[in-house]
Amino acid sequence: MMIRPLMRAELSKVHPLLKMFAEEVKLAGGYSPERFEELWAPMMELGFAEIFVAEDSSGIGGVLGATYVPDLFSAVQAAQSQFWFVDPQHRHGSASARLFSAFENEAKRRGAQKYFVGHKIGVHEEAMKEFFVRHGYRLGENIYWKNLCP
């Protein structure tokens, strides 16, 4: 699979994968393709966000969206993985790790000094923990949710 940045005009190409992601992680509020484009298109145009895709002849099989903005407390350039999903048919290869490398390489290119990543509790939890630790990350905070939407 080839890893490449997604162009703003191609946002609709990732809707099927992001719908699968929302269902797999039981994302509160579900997934709205229209809302996704309303939020991500301007952030991409302003240079605050990047979406990387893993693509082969059958189409897009993986996606990672990240934001690159200054930390709100220190103004240090920060990178944060917002979502990361590879469809089950493509999880046997290197697409997932290569998407993550694209995120980190872009963060380095932009001069980020803080990298934030996370994963949903209960969804590949141990494998993700091992992956992040192996790549030099450490647990930095716990986040508690109170979802008022379905």
Protein backbone atom coordinates (compact mmCIF):
# COMPACT_ATOMS: atom_id res chain seq x y z
CA MET A 1 0.00 0.00 0.00
CA MET A 2 1.14 3.50 -0.79
CA ILE A 3 0.96 6.13 1.97
CA ARG A 4 0.16 9.66 0.88
CA PRO A 5 -1.45 12.87 2.14
CA LEU A 6 -5.10 13.25 1.21
CA MET A 7 -5.99 16.38 -0.75
CA ARG A 8 -8.83 18.55 0.54
CA ALA A 9 -10.90 17.81 -2.59
CA GLU A 10 -10.65 14.08 -1.79
CA LEU A 11 -12.22 14.19 1.68
CA SER A 12 -15.26 12.23 0.52
CA LYS A 13 -13.00 9.26 -0.29
CA VAL A 14 -12.45 8.52 3.42
CA HIS A 15 -16.10 8.57 4.47
CA PRO A 16 -16.57 4.77 4.26
CA LEU A 17 -13.50 4.13 6.45
CA LEU A 18 -14.44 6.76 8.99
CA LYS A 19 -17.94 5.33 9.23
CA MET A 20 -16.35 1.92 9.95
CA PHE A 21 -14.08 3.56 12.54
CA ALA A 22 -17.01 5.25 14.30
CA GLU A 23 -18.87 1.95 14.45
CA GLU A 24 -15.88 -0.08 15.67
CA VAL A 25 -15.02 2.29 18.51
CA LYS A 26 -18.67 3.11 19.25
CA LEU A 27 -17.98 6.80 18.76
CA ALA A 28 -20.48 8.90 20.70
CA GLY A 29 -22.57 10.87 18.24
CA GLY A 30 -21.65 8.55 15.38
CA TYR A 31 -20.16 9.91 12.18
CA SER A 32 -21.47 12.76 10.04
CA PRO A 33 -19.70 13.05 6.66
CA GLU A 34 -21.02 16.59 6.17
CA ARG A 35 -19.83 17.77 9.57
CA PHE A 36 -16.48 16.04 9.09
CA GLU A 37 -15.87 17.98 5.87
CA GLU A 38 -17.08 21.25 7.41
CA LEU A 39 -14.47 20.90 10.15
CA TRP A 40 -11.52 19.26 8.42
CA ALA A 41 -11.52 21.16 5.09
CA PRO A 42 -10.71 24.58 6.60
CA MET A 43 -8.18 23.11 9.01
CA MET A 44 -6.40 21.44 6.09
CA GLU A 45 -6.53 24.63 4.02
CA LEU A 46 -5.02 26.64 6.88
CA GLY A 47 -2.25 24.09 7.34
CA PHE A 48 -3.41 22.96 10.79
CA ALA A 49 -4.36 19.43 9.79
CA GLU A 50 -3.25 16.59 7.56
CA ILE A 51 -4.92 13.33 6.65
CA PHE A 52 -2.77 10.46 5.48
CA VAL A 53 -4.19 7.49 3.58
CA ALA A 54 -2.97 4.00 2.80
CA GLU A 55 -4.06 3.19 -0.72
CA ASP A 56 -3.68 0.35 -3.19
CA SER A 57 -5.38 -0.64 -6.44
CA SER A 58 -8.56 -1.56 -4.52
CA GLY A 59 -8.83 1.91 -2.95
CA ILE A 60 -8.15 3.48 0.43
CA GLY A 61 -7.70 0.91 3.18
CA GLY A 62 -6.33 3.05 6.00
CA VAL A 63 -6.48 6.60 7.28
CA LEU A 64 -4.83 8.75 9.94
CA GLY A 65 -5.88 12.32 10.65
CA ALA A 66 -3.69 14.65 12.66
CA THR A 67 -3.62 18.24 13.79
CA TYR A 68 -0.49 20.36 14.02
CA VAL A 69 -1.03 23.39 16.23
CA PRO A 70 0.85 25.19 18.98
CA ASP A 71 0.30 23.86 22.51
CA LEU A 72 -2.24 26.16 24.16
CA PHE A 73 -0.14 26.58 27.33
CA SER A 74 3.43 26.83 26.10
CA ALA A 75 3.00 27.70 22.39
CA VAL A 76 5.41 24.86 21.60
CA GLN A 77 4.50 23.29 18.27
CA ALA A 78 2.47 20.13 18.92
CA ALA A 79 1.19 17.24 16.82
CA GLN A 80 -1.84 15.18 17.73
CA SER A 81 -3.23 12.08 16.10
CA GLN A 82 -7.01 12.61 16.00
CA PHE A 83 -8.04 9.33 14.40
CA TRP A 84 -6.26 6.28 13.00
CA PHE A 85 -8.03 3.39 11.37
CA VAL A 86 -7.14 0.55 9.01
CA ASP A 87 -9.92 -1.64 7.67
CA PRO A 88 -9.78 -5.28 8.78
CA GLN A 89 -8.74 -6.52 5.31
CA HIS A 90 -5.56 -4.43 5.45
CA ARG A 91 -4.51 -4.98 9.07
CA HIS A 92 -2.20 -7.88 8.24
CA GLY A 93 0.37 -5.70 6.49
CA SER A 94 2.42 -2.64 7.36
CA ALA A 95 -0.18 0.01 6.47
CA SER A 96 -0.98 0.89 10.08
CA ALA A 97 2.66 1.41 11.10
CA ARG A 98 3.41 3.29 7.90
CA LEU A 99 0.49 5.67 8.48
CA PHE A 100 1.83 6.33 11.97
CA SER A 101 5.30 6.99 10.54
CA ALA A 102 3.78 9.51 8.13
CA PHE A 103 2.20 11.31 11.11
CA GLU A 104 5.50 11.42 13.00
CA ASN A 105 7.52 12.42 9.93
CA GLU A 106 5.15 15.32 9.27
CA ALA A 107 5.35 16.35 12.93
CA LYS A 108 9.14 16.35 12.72
CA ARG A 109 9.05 18.32 9.44
CA ARG A 110 6.86 20.95 11.12
CA GLY A 111 9.15 21.18 14.13
CA ALA A 112 6.72 19.68 16.63
CA GLN A 113 8.20 19.18 20.08
CA LYS A 114 5.16 17.51 21.66
CA TYR A 115 3.36 14.53 20.15
CA PHE A 116 -0.01 13.38 21.47
CA VAL A 117 -1.56 10.04 20.57
CA GLY A 118 -4.31 7.94 22.05
CA HIS A 119 -6.65 5.06 21.55
CA LYS A 120 -10.12 4.08 22.64
CA ILE A 121 -10.43 1.92 25.76
CA GLY A 122 -11.22 -1.68 24.95
CA VAL A 123 -10.42 -1.45 21.23
CA HIS A 124 -7.12 -3.24 20.57
CA GLU A 125 -6.08 -1.77 23.91
CA GLU A 126 -3.07 -3.92 24.76
CA ALA A 127 -1.70 -3.95 21.21
CA MET A 128 -1.97 -0.16 21.00
CA LYS A 129 -0.31 0.32 24.39
CA GLU A 130 2.58 -1.90 23.29
CA PHE A 131 2.87 -0.08 19.96
CA PHE A 132 3.04 3.37 21.58
CA VAL A 133 5.54 2.30 24.26
CA ARG A 134 7.71 0.66 21.59
CA HIS A 135 7.72 3.99 19.73
CA GLY A 136 8.85 6.00 22.75
CA TYR A 137 5.51 7.25 24.08
CA ARG A 138 4.47 7.10 27.71
CA LEU A 139 1.13 7.45 29.41
CA GLY A 140 0.70 11.14 30.15
CA GLU A 141 -2.90 11.58 31.25
CA ASN A 142 -6.22 9.87 31.71
CA ILE A 143 -9.24 11.39 30.00
CA TYR A 144 -12.74 10.94 31.39
CA TRP A 145 -15.78 11.32 29.17
CA LYS A 146 -19.34 12.29 29.86
CA ASN A 147 -21.20 11.73 26.62
CA LEU A 148 -24.65 13.26 26.41
CA CYS A 149 -25.19 12.16 22.83
CA PRO A 150 -26.05 8.62 21.68
